[in-house]
Amino acid sequence: MSLVSKTIGTCLHERAEAMPDLQGVGYRDYWYSWKDVDEISDFLAVRYWKMGIRHGVHAATWSVNSPNLVFCLFALWKIGAVSVLVNTCYKEQEIEDILRDNDVEYLFYGYGCKSTCYKDMLSRVPLESLPVFKEAIELEENPLDKWYRRENFPAVLSEEDRQLLKQAESSVKPEDTACILFTSGTTSKPKGVMLSHFSLINNSAEIVKKMRWNSDDKICISVPMFHCFGITAGILSCLNSGAAGHLLKYYKTLEVLDQVQKYKCTVLNGVPTMFLAMLRNKNRQDYDISSLHGGVIAGSAILPAEYLEICKQLQLEKLQVSYGQTESAPCVTISAYDDTLERKSVTAGKKIEDVELEIRDIVTGEWAETGQAGEILTRGYHVMQGYYNRPEETEKTIDSEGWLHTGDIGYLDEDGYLHVTGRMKEMIIRGGENISPAEIENCIIEMPEVEEVKVVGIPAEVLQEEIVACIIPKEGVVLDSEKVTAYVKSRLSDYKVPKYVLTFQSFPINASGKILVKDLKVQVGEMIKLKH
């Protein structure tokens, strides 16, 4: 593939010029052509520039998937602002930390997510105490899906505004940072991953090429756009292919089934949890989803038997397996288009073009032989620019030769296919969300009843992993598990709340005093069995 040196804004202008009247982005019954998307984001780009948003300014977006979010993102990218994409599940403390740690000056927020109201939540966040923060702007007027319409704007930009936008766009380069997305790690707070226009556009183009998507496709975008997966394989893949993007606010099994049936979507991307939930929903047979022919499944590992069952029962012959992470924009490998289901069930595909992929022996540090497991390393245009304001973390992750150390374990077979076998870190992946055990531990340890805490993940049928809080209570204290979960829920996102809270007198440790996590997980499994 020949790498493209263009900004996201330039790509949108070109798409609108080439296919002005084709469906670009839709929500339920309302559709916007690519010309609409381009023109609305032009007007917003000028508006944002006049508000003071300039090249390099950090502007956060906090919203479920919506047309207004799409317009906002394209507008920010056109004028060279850095979009800081905030998880829709964040609570007050989390949003405050994100705004502070990432030097956010402007926040565009939607109505809310599910039962939450962002405006109410922000009233409890001390925005005035943030050193560089300037303004919070509503993306939606009310919860009744009041999106921007093309007719809400003038027929054309004024000559003055047209020149202003032209000048603003001319300062944006493909190598500039387009967005900051977040990934949890071994530290307690999420790390901001900086990705350029160049890496996002080209990674998306590679996905489109491998998947053979085109303007005849309609991609159901239920993966949240605060995830790299939702940006690259979602809205930017629509942009690169000319496919229509059908937006869902967030994933909900029956909603996905209904929308695929009603709007004849041809592509559905998602994490394994999403597909497993569809597969196991008792009402699945009530919906005709025969228009679907495939998609990308990524975000966490899936058992071969489960993958094959999904493909068979949902009739998804072209459900391609991909491996990557936020730090790699995100795609590193993907199934070949004509791979058999059996091969796709046991591998994560081959590396994409124009990038390098190697396995390094964890003990010796030497490059591994074919079939030998080690840490997965990758290098190329897709690798992040670094973690924002985390130079030490960046140096630990990207070495002096430019190799991204993924922290995952795998091996390459004789045909060059990647087999992912585990994770070096203790990251918990629940429903496609990366969860830092340390963040939950730091929350629970603040409870006066708790002496020591260790958070681990255990296998789960649908969500792939569930969170277990292992707690040694202080002497004389009888631990109330419901109180623990309520405490965590009041401070962290719902998906970070432990499903199980178990009491221990001591943890298994080695001679150095380190907790033996593997042994602890065995004990956890036995204790949960007794509960059932």
Protein backbone atom coordinates (compact mmCIF):
# COMPACT_ATOMS: atom_id res chain seq x y z
CA MET A 1 0.00 0.00 0.00
CA SER A 2 1.28 3.46 -0.85
CA LEU A 3 1.10 5.59 2.28
CA VAL A 4 -0.99 8.76 1.95
CA SER A 5 0.39 12.05 3.27
CA LYS A 6 -2.86 13.93 3.93
CA THR A 7 -4.76 15.37 6.86
CA ILE A 8 -8.15 14.05 7.89
CA GLY A 9 -9.73 17.35 6.82
CA THR A 10 -8.24 17.07 3.33
CA CYS A 11 -9.56 13.52 3.02
CA LEU A 12 -13.06 14.70 3.95
CA HIS A 13 -12.97 17.51 1.37
CA GLU A 14 -11.89 15.01 -1.29
CA ARG A 15 -14.58 12.50 -0.35
CA ALA A 16 -17.27 15.20 -0.47
CA GLU A 17 -16.07 16.33 -3.88
CA ALA A 18 -15.91 12.79 -5.29
CA MET A 19 -19.20 11.52 -3.79
CA PRO A 20 -21.18 14.60 -2.70
CA ASP A 21 -24.62 13.01 -2.65
CA LEU A 22 -23.82 9.56 -1.28
CA GLN A 23 -24.86 8.75 2.29
CA GLY A 24 -22.04 9.61 4.65
CA VAL A 25 -23.27 9.47 8.24
CA GLY A 26 -26.68 8.52 9.58
CA TYR A 27 -28.60 8.17 12.80
CA ARG A 28 -31.87 6.24 12.62
CA ASP A 29 -33.92 7.74 9.77
CA TYR A 30 -31.85 10.87 9.23
CA TRP A 31 -28.90 10.77 6.86
CA TYR A 32 -26.22 13.25 5.94
CA SER A 33 -24.45 13.13 2.59
CA TRP A 34 -20.68 13.43 2.48
CA LYS A 35 -21.22 16.97 1.21
CA ASP A 36 -23.38 17.69 4.28
CA VAL A 37 -20.73 16.31 6.63
CA ASP A 38 -18.03 18.39 4.96
CA GLU A 39 -20.03 21.63 4.90
CA ILE A 40 -21.43 21.37 8.43
CA SER A 41 -17.95 20.68 9.82
CA ASP A 42 -16.65 23.67 7.81
CA PHE A 43 -19.14 25.98 9.51
CA LEU A 44 -18.31 24.52 12.92
CA ALA A 45 -14.58 24.78 12.26
CA VAL A 46 -14.96 28.52 11.64
CA ARG A 47 -17.14 28.85 14.73
CA TYR A 48 -14.59 27.01 16.88
CA TRP A 49 -11.72 29.09 15.50
CA LYS A 50 -13.56 32.28 16.40
CA MET A 51 -14.08 30.89 19.93
CA GLY A 52 -10.31 30.70 20.27
CA ILE A 53 -9.63 27.08 19.33
CA ARG A 54 -6.45 27.06 17.29
CA HIS A 55 -3.84 24.69 15.93
CA GLY A 56 -2.53 22.47 18.74
CA VAL A 57 -5.21 23.45 21.28
CA HIS A 58 -6.56 20.49 23.28
CA ALA A 59 -10.35 20.23 22.96
CA ALA A 60 -12.05 17.27 24.64
CA THR A 61 -15.20 15.51 23.42
CA TRP A 62 -17.43 13.66 25.89
CA SER A 63 -20.36 12.13 24.08
CA VAL A 64 -21.99 8.92 22.95
CA ASN A 65 -21.84 8.26 19.21
CA SER A 66 -23.88 10.92 17.42
CA PRO A 67 -23.88 13.03 14.25
CA ASN A 68 -22.94 16.07 16.32
CA LEU A 69 -19.88 14.27 17.70
CA VAL A 70 -18.80 13.38 14.15
CA PHE A 71 -19.21 16.99 12.97
CA CYS A 72 -17.36 18.28 16.02
CA LEU A 73 -14.41 15.92 15.52
CA PHE A 74 -14.03 16.74 11.82
CA ALA A 75 -14.25 20.47 12.61
CA LEU A 76 -11.53 20.20 15.25
CA TRP A 77 -9.29 18.18 12.95
CA LYS A 78 -9.73 20.70 10.12
CA ILE A 79 -8.31 23.56 12.19
CA GLY A 80 -5.53 21.47 13.71
CA ALA A 81 -6.92 21.16 17.22
CA VAL A 82 -6.15 18.00 19.19
CA SER A 83 -9.32 16.10 20.05
CA VAL A 84 -9.11 14.53 23.50
CA LEU A 85 -11.58 11.65 23.43
CA VAL A 86 -13.20 11.03 26.81
CA ASN A 87 -14.80 7.75 27.93
CA THR A 88 -18.58 8.19 28.19
CA CYS A 89 -18.66 6.24 31.47
CA TYR A 90 -16.33 8.53 33.40
CA LYS A 91 -17.44 9.94 36.73
CA GLU A 92 -16.69 13.42 38.09
CA GLN A 93 -13.22 12.67 39.48
CA GLU A 94 -12.17 10.89 36.32
CA ILE A 95 -13.25 13.71 34.02
CA GLU A 96 -11.49 16.25 36.26
CA ASP A 97 -8.27 14.22 36.10
CA ILE A 98 -8.47 13.90 32.30
CA LEU A 99 -9.03 17.61 31.78
CA ARG A 100 -6.23 18.55 34.18
CA ASP A 101 -3.63 15.98 33.13
CA ASN A 102 -4.08 16.60 29.40
CA ASP A 103 -4.16 20.41 29.39
CA VAL A 104 -7.68 20.56 27.97
CA GLU A 105 -8.86 24.10 27.24
CA TYR A 106 -12.31 23.33 25.79
CA LEU A 107 -14.79 20.53 26.47
CA PHE A 108 -17.61 19.62 24.08
CA TYR A 109 -20.11 17.44 25.90
CA GLY A 110 -23.27 15.58 24.94
CA TYR A 111 -26.41 15.16 27.00
CA GLY A 112 -25.17 12.06 28.78
CA CYS A 113 -24.89 8.30 28.60
CA LYS A 114 -27.73 6.04 29.67
CA SER A 115 -28.89 7.36 33.07
CA THR A 116 -26.19 10.02 33.47
CA CYS A 117 -26.48 13.72 32.65
CA TYR A 118 -23.13 15.30 31.84
CA LYS A 119 -24.30 18.84 32.55
CA ASP A 120 -25.26 17.83 36.09
CA MET A 121 -21.99 15.98 36.55
CA LEU A 122 -19.94 18.95 35.34
CA SER A 123 -21.67 21.19 37.88
CA ARG A 124 -19.87 19.11 40.51
CA VAL A 125 -16.46 19.36 38.82
CA PRO A 126 -14.31 22.35 39.91
CA LEU A 127 -13.59 23.49 36.35
CA GLU A 128 -12.45 26.90 37.60
CA SER A 129 -9.56 25.22 39.42
CA LEU A 130 -8.12 23.74 36.22
CA PRO A 131 -5.09 25.82 35.16
CA VAL A 132 -5.76 26.12 31.41
CA PHE A 133 -9.44 25.22 31.08
CA LYS A 134 -11.60 27.89 29.41
CA GLU A 135 -15.05 26.68 28.41
CA ALA A 136 -17.50 23.75 28.35
CA ILE A 137 -19.84 23.68 25.33
CA GLU A 138 -22.97 21.56 24.91
CA LEU A 139 -23.12 19.41 21.77
CA GLU A 140 -26.85 18.71 22.10
CA GLU A 141 -29.67 20.91 23.28
CA ASN A 142 -31.67 18.13 24.91
CA PRO A 143 -31.91 14.32 25.11
CA LEU A 144 -34.35 14.14 22.19
CA ASP A 145 -31.69 13.59 19.54
CA LYS A 146 -31.65 17.19 18.34
CA TRP A 147 -28.83 17.02 15.83
CA TYR A 148 -27.43 19.69 13.56
CA ARG A 149 -29.20 19.91 10.20
CA ARG A 150 -27.68 21.25 7.00
CA GLU A 151 -30.53 23.75 6.72
CA ASN A 152 -29.53 25.23 10.09
CA PHE A 153 -26.50 26.79 8.40
CA PRO A 154 -26.09 29.34 5.59
CA ALA A 155 -25.96 28.11 2.01
CA VAL A 156 -22.25 28.87 1.78
CA LEU A 157 -19.47 30.27 3.93
CA SER A 158 -18.92 33.98 3.59
CA GLU A 159 -15.80 34.95 1.66
CA GLU A 160 -14.20 36.14 4.89
CA ASP A 161 -14.94 32.85 6.67
CA ARG A 162 -13.82 30.84 3.66
CA GLN A 163 -10.43 32.55 3.70
CA LEU A 164 -10.20 32.14 7.47
CA LEU A 165 -10.81 28.39 7.18
CA LYS A 166 -8.40 28.06 4.27
CA GLN A 167 -5.67 29.74 6.28
CA ALA A 168 -6.40 27.60 9.36
CA GLU A 169 -6.34 24.37 7.36
CA SER A 170 -3.12 25.29 5.59
CA SER A 171 -1.28 25.19 8.92
CA VAL A 172 -2.28 21.57 9.62
CA LYS A 173 0.20 18.88 8.61
CA PRO A 174 -0.30 15.09 8.32
CA GLU A 175 2.32 14.58 11.05
CA ASP A 176 0.42 16.75 13.54
CA THR A 177 -1.32 15.14 16.50
CA ALA A 178 -4.98 14.56 15.64
CA CYS A 179 -6.20 13.08 18.88
CA ILE A 180 -5.43 11.79 22.32
CA LEU A 181 -7.09 8.52 23.27
CA PHE A 182 -6.78 6.75 26.57
CA THR A 183 -5.49 3.38 27.60
CA SER A 184 -5.22 1.99 31.09
CA GLY A 185 -1.93 0.57 32.25
CA THR A 186 -0.18 -0.57 35.36
CA THR A 187 -0.40 2.99 36.68
CA SER A 188 -3.56 4.14 38.36
CA LYS A 189 -4.57 6.79 35.82
CA PRO A 190 -5.26 6.31 32.08
CA LYS A 191 -2.43 7.31 29.76
CA GLY A 192 -3.12 9.67 26.85
CA VAL A 193 -1.99 8.15 23.56
CA MET A 194 -1.10 10.74 20.90
CA LEU A 195 -1.90 9.71 17.32
CA SER A 196 -1.26 11.72 14.16
CA HIS A 197 -3.47 12.39 11.14
CA PHE A 198 -0.96 10.34 9.13
CA SER A 199 -1.14 7.24 11.33
CA LEU A 200 -4.93 7.28 11.64
CA ILE A 201 -5.67 7.85 7.95
CA ASN A 202 -3.22 5.20 6.76
CA ASN A 203 -4.16 2.61 9.38
CA SER A 204 -7.80 3.06 8.43
CA ALA A 205 -6.97 2.81 4.72
CA GLU A 206 -5.19 -0.48 5.36
CA ILE A 207 -8.23 -1.88 7.19
CA VAL A 208 -10.48 -0.79 4.31
CA LYS A 209 -8.17 -2.47 1.80
CA LYS A 210 -7.98 -5.74 3.73
CA MET A 211 -11.75 -5.78 4.34
CA ARG A 212 -12.58 -4.71 0.75
CA TRP A 213 -15.13 -2.18 1.94
CA ASN A 214 -16.52 0.30 -0.60
CA SER A 215 -19.34 2.80 -1.16
CA ASP A 216 -21.88 -0.02 -1.40
CA ASP A 217 -21.31 -0.88 2.26
CA LYS A 218 -23.14 0.42 5.31
CA ILE A 219 -21.07 0.13 8.49
CA CYS A 220 -22.97 -0.16 11.78
CA ILE A 221 -20.89 1.93 14.21
CA SER A 222 -21.76 0.72 17.70
CA VAL A 223 -18.17 0.70 18.97
CA PRO A 224 -17.72 3.94 20.94
CA MET A 225 -15.77 6.66 19.18
CA PHE A 226 -13.73 7.41 22.28
CA HIS A 227 -11.95 4.15 21.41
CA CYS A 228 -9.35 3.98 18.65
CA PHE A 229 -11.27 1.00 17.23
CA GLY A 230 -14.37 3.19 16.80
CA ILE A 231 -12.40 6.01 15.17
CA THR A 232 -10.15 4.03 12.83
CA ALA A 233 -12.32 1.05 11.86
CA GLY A 234 -15.47 3.15 12.22
CA ILE A 235 -15.87 6.72 11.03
CA LEU A 236 -12.46 7.02 9.32
CA SER A 237 -12.98 3.73 7.47
CA CYS A 238 -16.27 5.15 6.17
CA LEU A 239 -14.33 8.22 5.05
CA ASN A 240 -11.63 6.15 3.34
CA SER A 241 -14.02 3.75 1.60
CA GLY A 242 -17.05 5.93 0.90
CA ALA A 243 -19.19 3.53 2.93
CA ALA A 244 -22.12 4.95 4.89
CA GLY A 245 -21.69 5.02 8.67
CA HIS A 246 -24.83 4.17 10.63
CA LEU A 247 -24.38 5.44 14.19
CA LEU A 248 -25.67 3.86 17.38
CA LYS A 249 -25.31 5.83 20.60
CA TYR A 250 -23.73 2.84 22.28
CA TYR A 251 -23.86 -0.92 22.08
CA LYS A 252 -27.10 -2.54 23.13
CA THR A 253 -27.76 -6.01 21.74
CA LEU A 254 -31.39 -5.66 20.68
CA GLU A 255 -30.75 -2.15 19.37
CA VAL A 256 -27.94 -3.45 17.14
CA LEU A 257 -30.09 -6.30 15.85
CA ASP A 258 -32.98 -3.92 15.16
CA GLN A 259 -30.86 -1.31 13.39
CA VAL A 260 -29.00 -3.87 11.26
CA GLN A 261 -32.34 -5.32 10.18
CA LYS A 262 -34.05 -1.98 9.54
CA TYR A 263 -31.20 -0.23 7.72
CA LYS A 264 -29.64 -3.28 6.04
CA CYS A 265 -26.16 -2.73 7.44
CA THR A 266 -23.51 -4.85 5.74
CA VAL A 267 -20.65 -4.47 8.23
CA LEU A 268 -20.54 -4.76 12.02
CA ASN A 269 -17.31 -4.27 13.97
CA GLY A 270 -16.98 -5.08 17.63
CA VAL A 271 -15.19 -6.68 20.53
CA PRO A 272 -15.85 -10.38 21.21
CA THR A 273 -18.25 -9.54 24.03
CA MET A 274 -20.58 -7.77 21.61
CA PHE A 275 -20.79 -10.69 19.22
CA LEU A 276 -21.17 -13.19 22.06
CA ALA A 277 -24.04 -11.15 23.49
CA MET A 278 -25.79 -11.19 20.11
CA LEU A 279 -25.20 -14.90 19.75
CA ARG A 280 -26.66 -15.71 23.16
CA ASN A 281 -29.62 -13.35 23.10
CA LYS A 282 -32.85 -15.35 23.23
CA ASN A 283 -34.58 -12.91 20.85
CA ARG A 284 -31.92 -13.05 18.14
CA GLN A 285 -34.02 -15.21 15.84
CA ASP A 286 -36.70 -12.51 15.71
CA TYR A 287 -34.39 -10.32 13.61
CA ASP A 288 -33.24 -10.65 10.02
CA ILE A 289 -29.58 -9.67 9.92
CA SER A 290 -28.80 -11.45 6.67
CA SER A 291 -27.56 -8.17 5.16
CA LEU A 292 -24.41 -8.48 7.30
CA HIS A 293 -21.48 -10.13 5.57
CA GLY A 294 -18.65 -9.39 7.97
CA GLY A 295 -16.68 -6.98 10.07
CA VAL A 296 -13.65 -6.73 12.32
CA ILE A 297 -13.53 -8.51 15.67
CA ALA A 298 -10.80 -7.16 17.95
CA GLY A 299 -10.09 -5.70 21.37
CA SER A 300 -9.51 -8.91 23.32
CA ALA A 301 -8.91 -12.61 22.78
CA ILE A 302 -11.68 -15.03 21.89
CA LEU A 303 -11.78 -18.82 22.15
CA PRO A 304 -11.66 -20.62 18.77
CA ALA A 305 -14.91 -22.48 19.46
CA GLU A 306 -16.70 -19.23 20.29
CA TYR A 307 -15.40 -17.52 17.15
CA LEU A 308 -16.56 -20.38 14.96
CA GLU A 309 -19.97 -20.42 16.63
CA ILE A 310 -20.39 -16.68 16.07
CA CYS A 311 -19.49 -16.99 12.38
CA LYS A 312 -21.78 -19.97 11.89
CA GLN A 313 -24.83 -18.79 13.82
CA LEU A 314 -24.66 -15.15 12.69
CA GLN A 315 -23.54 -16.15 9.18
CA LEU A 316 -20.51 -13.87 9.22
CA GLU A 317 -18.10 -15.52 6.82
CA LYS A 318 -15.94 -12.40 6.59
CA LEU A 319 -15.61 -11.64 10.30
CA GLN A 320 -11.89 -10.85 10.29
CA VAL A 321 -9.73 -11.12 13.39
CA SER A 322 -7.40 -8.21 14.14
CA TYR A 323 -4.73 -7.58 16.74
CA GLY A 324 -3.56 -4.19 17.91
CA GLN A 325 -3.78 -1.62 20.65
CA THR A 326 -4.44 2.08 21.03
CA GLU A 327 -0.69 2.75 20.85
CA SER A 328 -0.63 1.30 17.30
CA ALA A 329 -3.56 3.28 15.88
CA PRO A 330 -4.76 0.41 16.47
CA CYS A 331 -4.31 -2.27 13.80
CA VAL A 332 -1.10 -4.32 13.66
CA THR A 333 -2.38 -7.56 12.14
CA ILE A 334 -5.59 -8.65 10.44
CA SER A 335 -6.90 -11.81 8.79
CA ALA A 336 -6.37 -12.19 5.06
CA TYR A 337 -9.66 -11.80 3.18
CA ASP A 338 -9.72 -15.38 1.96
CA ASP A 339 -8.50 -17.05 5.16
CA THR A 340 -10.58 -20.02 6.24
CA LEU A 341 -12.74 -19.73 9.34
CA GLU A 342 -10.58 -22.38 10.97
CA ARG A 343 -7.40 -20.35 10.44
CA LYS A 344 -9.07 -17.16 11.64
CA SER A 345 -10.25 -18.91 14.79
CA VAL A 346 -6.70 -19.64 15.96
CA THR A 347 -4.68 -16.69 14.64
CA ALA A 348 -4.83 -12.89 14.64
CA GLY A 349 -3.89 -12.64 10.98
CA LYS A 350 -0.77 -11.26 9.29
CA LYS A 351 0.88 -7.89 9.77
CA ILE A 352 -0.52 -5.02 7.75
CA GLU A 353 1.60 -3.45 4.99
CA ASP A 354 4.32 -0.90 5.66
CA VAL A 355 4.84 -1.92 9.29
CA GLU A 356 7.20 -4.32 11.02
CA LEU A 357 6.30 -7.09 13.45
CA GLU A 358 8.74 -9.16 15.48
CA ILE A 359 8.75 -11.40 18.53
CA ARG A 360 11.43 -10.87 21.17
CA ASP A 361 12.45 -13.50 23.70
CA ILE A 362 11.45 -12.21 27.13
CA VAL A 363 14.43 -13.75 28.91
CA THR A 364 17.30 -13.19 26.46
CA GLY A 365 16.03 -10.10 24.65
CA GLU A 366 16.96 -11.72 21.33
CA TRP A 367 14.64 -12.03 18.37
CA ALA A 368 12.58 -15.20 18.64
CA GLU A 369 12.55 -18.00 16.10
CA THR A 370 9.44 -19.05 14.19
CA GLY A 371 7.02 -20.69 16.60
CA GLN A 372 8.83 -19.36 19.67
CA ALA A 373 6.75 -17.25 22.04
CA GLY A 374 7.89 -13.87 23.28
CA GLU A 375 6.82 -10.25 23.54
CA ILE A 376 5.10 -8.83 20.47
CA LEU A 377 6.94 -5.77 19.09
CA THR A 378 5.92 -3.57 16.17
CA ARG A 379 7.44 -0.59 14.37
CA GLY A 380 6.22 1.79 11.69
CA TYR A 381 4.00 4.74 10.80
CA HIS A 382 1.18 3.40 12.99
CA VAL A 383 3.09 3.69 16.28
CA MET A 384 1.93 6.48 18.58
CA GLN A 385 3.83 9.72 18.98
CA GLY A 386 3.98 8.97 22.70
CA TYR A 387 1.99 9.30 25.91
CA TYR A 388 1.03 12.90 26.57
CA ASN A 389 3.14 14.41 29.36
CA ARG A 390 4.49 10.93 30.23
CA PRO A 391 8.05 10.88 28.81
CA GLU A 392 9.24 8.12 31.13
CA GLU A 393 6.26 5.90 30.27
CA THR A 394 6.87 6.61 26.59
CA GLU A 395 10.53 5.58 26.85
CA LYS A 396 9.52 2.34 28.54
CA THR A 397 7.08 1.53 25.73
CA ILE A 398 8.94 2.72 22.61
CA ASP A 399 12.62 1.82 22.58
CA SER A 400 15.49 3.79 21.03
CA GLU A 401 15.07 1.93 17.73
CA GLY A 402 11.39 2.83 17.45
CA TRP A 403 9.96 -0.54 18.44
CA LEU A 404 6.66 -0.44 20.32
CA HIS A 405 6.70 -2.98 23.15
CA THR A 406 3.10 -4.18 23.34
CA GLY A 407 3.35 -6.09 26.60
CA ASP A 408 1.53 -9.00 24.91
CA ILE A 409 2.86 -12.50 24.39
CA GLY A 410 2.64 -14.36 21.10
CA TYR A 411 4.48 -16.11 18.30
CA LEU A 412 4.63 -16.13 14.51
CA ASP A 413 4.01 -19.39 12.67
CA GLU A 414 5.77 -20.54 9.51
CA ASP A 415 3.24 -18.69 7.33
CA GLY A 416 3.71 -15.39 9.15
CA TYR A 417 0.45 -15.50 11.09
CA LEU A 418 0.42 -14.07 14.60
CA HIS A 419 -0.79 -16.18 17.50
CA VAL A 420 -1.51 -14.14 20.63
CA THR A 421 -1.14 -16.28 23.73
CA GLY A 422 -1.30 -13.95 26.72
CA ARG A 423 -0.48 -10.63 28.34
CA MET A 424 2.60 -9.65 30.25
CA LYS A 425 0.71 -7.17 32.36
CA GLU A 426 -2.16 -7.89 34.69
CA MET A 427 -4.59 -5.81 32.67
CA ILE A 428 -8.21 -6.86 32.94
CA ILE A 429 -10.22 -6.77 29.71
CA ARG A 430 -13.93 -6.73 30.47
CA GLY A 431 -16.39 -6.26 27.62
CA GLY A 432 -13.66 -4.78 25.44
CA GLU A 433 -12.65 -2.19 28.07
CA ASN A 434 -9.08 -2.17 29.34
CA ILE A 435 -9.18 -1.87 33.11
CA SER A 436 -6.25 -1.12 35.37
CA PRO A 437 -6.36 -3.21 38.58
CA ALA A 438 -4.22 -0.56 40.27
CA GLU A 439 -6.85 2.11 39.72
CA ILE A 440 -9.49 0.01 41.50
CA GLU A 441 -7.04 -0.99 44.23
CA ASN A 442 -6.20 2.64 44.89
CA CYS A 443 -9.89 3.37 45.27
CA ILE A 444 -10.70 0.47 47.62
CA ILE A 445 -7.65 0.96 49.84
CA GLU A 446 -9.10 4.34 50.88
CA MET A 447 -11.88 2.54 52.75
CA PRO A 448 -11.13 2.54 56.50
CA GLU A 449 -12.13 -1.12 56.78
CA VAL A 450 -9.51 -2.32 54.28
CA GLU A 451 -6.01 -3.44 55.22
CA GLU A 452 -4.84 -4.74 51.86
CA VAL A 453 -6.41 -5.27 48.45
CA LYS A 454 -5.51 -7.04 45.24
CA VAL A 455 -7.72 -6.86 42.15
CA VAL A 456 -7.62 -9.63 39.54
CA GLY A 457 -9.62 -10.72 36.54
CA ILE A 458 -11.19 -14.14 36.09
CA PRO A 459 -12.62 -15.71 32.91
CA ALA A 460 -16.29 -14.98 32.19
CA GLU A 461 -18.61 -16.44 29.58
CA VAL A 462 -19.85 -13.26 27.87
CA LEU A 463 -17.75 -10.36 29.15
CA GLN A 464 -14.58 -12.47 28.85
CA GLU A 465 -13.30 -11.32 32.24
CA GLU A 466 -14.93 -10.26 35.50
CA ILE A 467 -13.33 -8.16 38.19
CA VAL A 468 -12.61 -9.66 41.59
CA ALA A 469 -11.55 -7.57 44.57
CA CYS A 470 -9.54 -9.67 47.02
CA ILE A 471 -9.47 -7.89 50.37
CA ILE A 472 -7.75 -8.41 53.69
CA PRO A 473 -9.89 -6.42 56.15
CA LYS A 474 -8.47 -4.68 59.16
CA GLU A 475 -8.43 -6.67 62.39
CA GLY A 476 -11.85 -7.15 63.91
CA VAL A 477 -13.71 -5.89 60.82
CA VAL A 478 -16.38 -7.94 59.08
CA LEU A 479 -16.31 -6.82 55.46
CA ASP A 480 -19.57 -5.82 53.77
CA SER A 481 -19.15 -6.66 50.06
CA GLU A 482 -22.10 -4.50 48.99
CA LYS A 483 -20.55 -1.53 50.74
CA VAL A 484 -17.32 -2.09 48.81
CA THR A 485 -19.06 -2.22 45.42
CA ALA A 486 -21.14 0.84 46.27
CA TYR A 487 -17.98 2.69 47.29
CA VAL A 488 -16.24 1.88 44.00
CA LYS A 489 -19.36 2.70 41.97
CA SER A 490 -19.56 6.14 43.54
CA ARG A 491 -16.02 6.95 42.43
CA LEU A 492 -15.29 5.01 39.25
CA SER A 493 -17.08 4.05 36.06
CA ASP A 494 -19.61 1.23 36.32
CA TYR A 495 -17.51 -1.11 34.20
CA LYS A 496 -14.72 -0.90 36.81
CA VAL A 497 -16.93 -2.11 39.68
CA PRO A 498 -15.93 -5.60 40.91
CA LYS A 499 -18.48 -8.34 40.42
CA TYR A 500 -17.03 -10.30 43.32
CA VAL A 501 -15.63 -9.08 46.63
CA LEU A 502 -13.80 -11.82 48.52
CA THR A 503 -12.32 -11.72 52.02
CA PHE A 504 -8.88 -13.18 52.74
CA GLN A 505 -6.81 -13.58 55.89
CA SER A 506 -3.61 -13.44 53.82
CA PHE A 507 -2.44 -13.54 50.21
CA PRO A 508 -0.02 -16.13 48.78
CA ILE A 509 3.41 -14.50 48.50
CA ASN A 510 6.88 -15.47 47.35
CA ALA A 511 10.17 -15.09 49.22
CA SER A 512 10.42 -11.46 48.16
CA GLY A 513 7.00 -10.71 49.58
CA LYS A 514 5.37 -10.28 46.18
CA ILE A 515 1.84 -11.58 45.75
CA LEU A 516 1.65 -14.72 43.66
CA VAL A 517 -1.18 -13.64 41.37
CA LYS A 518 -1.48 -17.01 39.66
CA ASP A 519 -1.92 -18.80 43.00
CA LEU A 520 -4.34 -16.12 44.16
CA LYS A 521 -6.48 -16.62 41.07
CA VAL A 522 -6.68 -20.34 41.83
CA GLN A 523 -7.98 -19.55 45.31
CA VAL A 524 -10.44 -17.05 43.85
CA GLY A 525 -11.79 -19.66 41.45
CA GLU A 526 -12.35 -22.14 44.27
CA MET A 527 -14.06 -19.56 46.47
CA ILE A 528 -16.43 -18.48 43.70
CA LYS A 529 -17.34 -22.11 42.99
CA LEU A 530 -18.32 -22.51 46.63
CA LYS A 531 -20.53 -19.42 46.38
CA HIS A 532 -22.45 -21.06 43.58
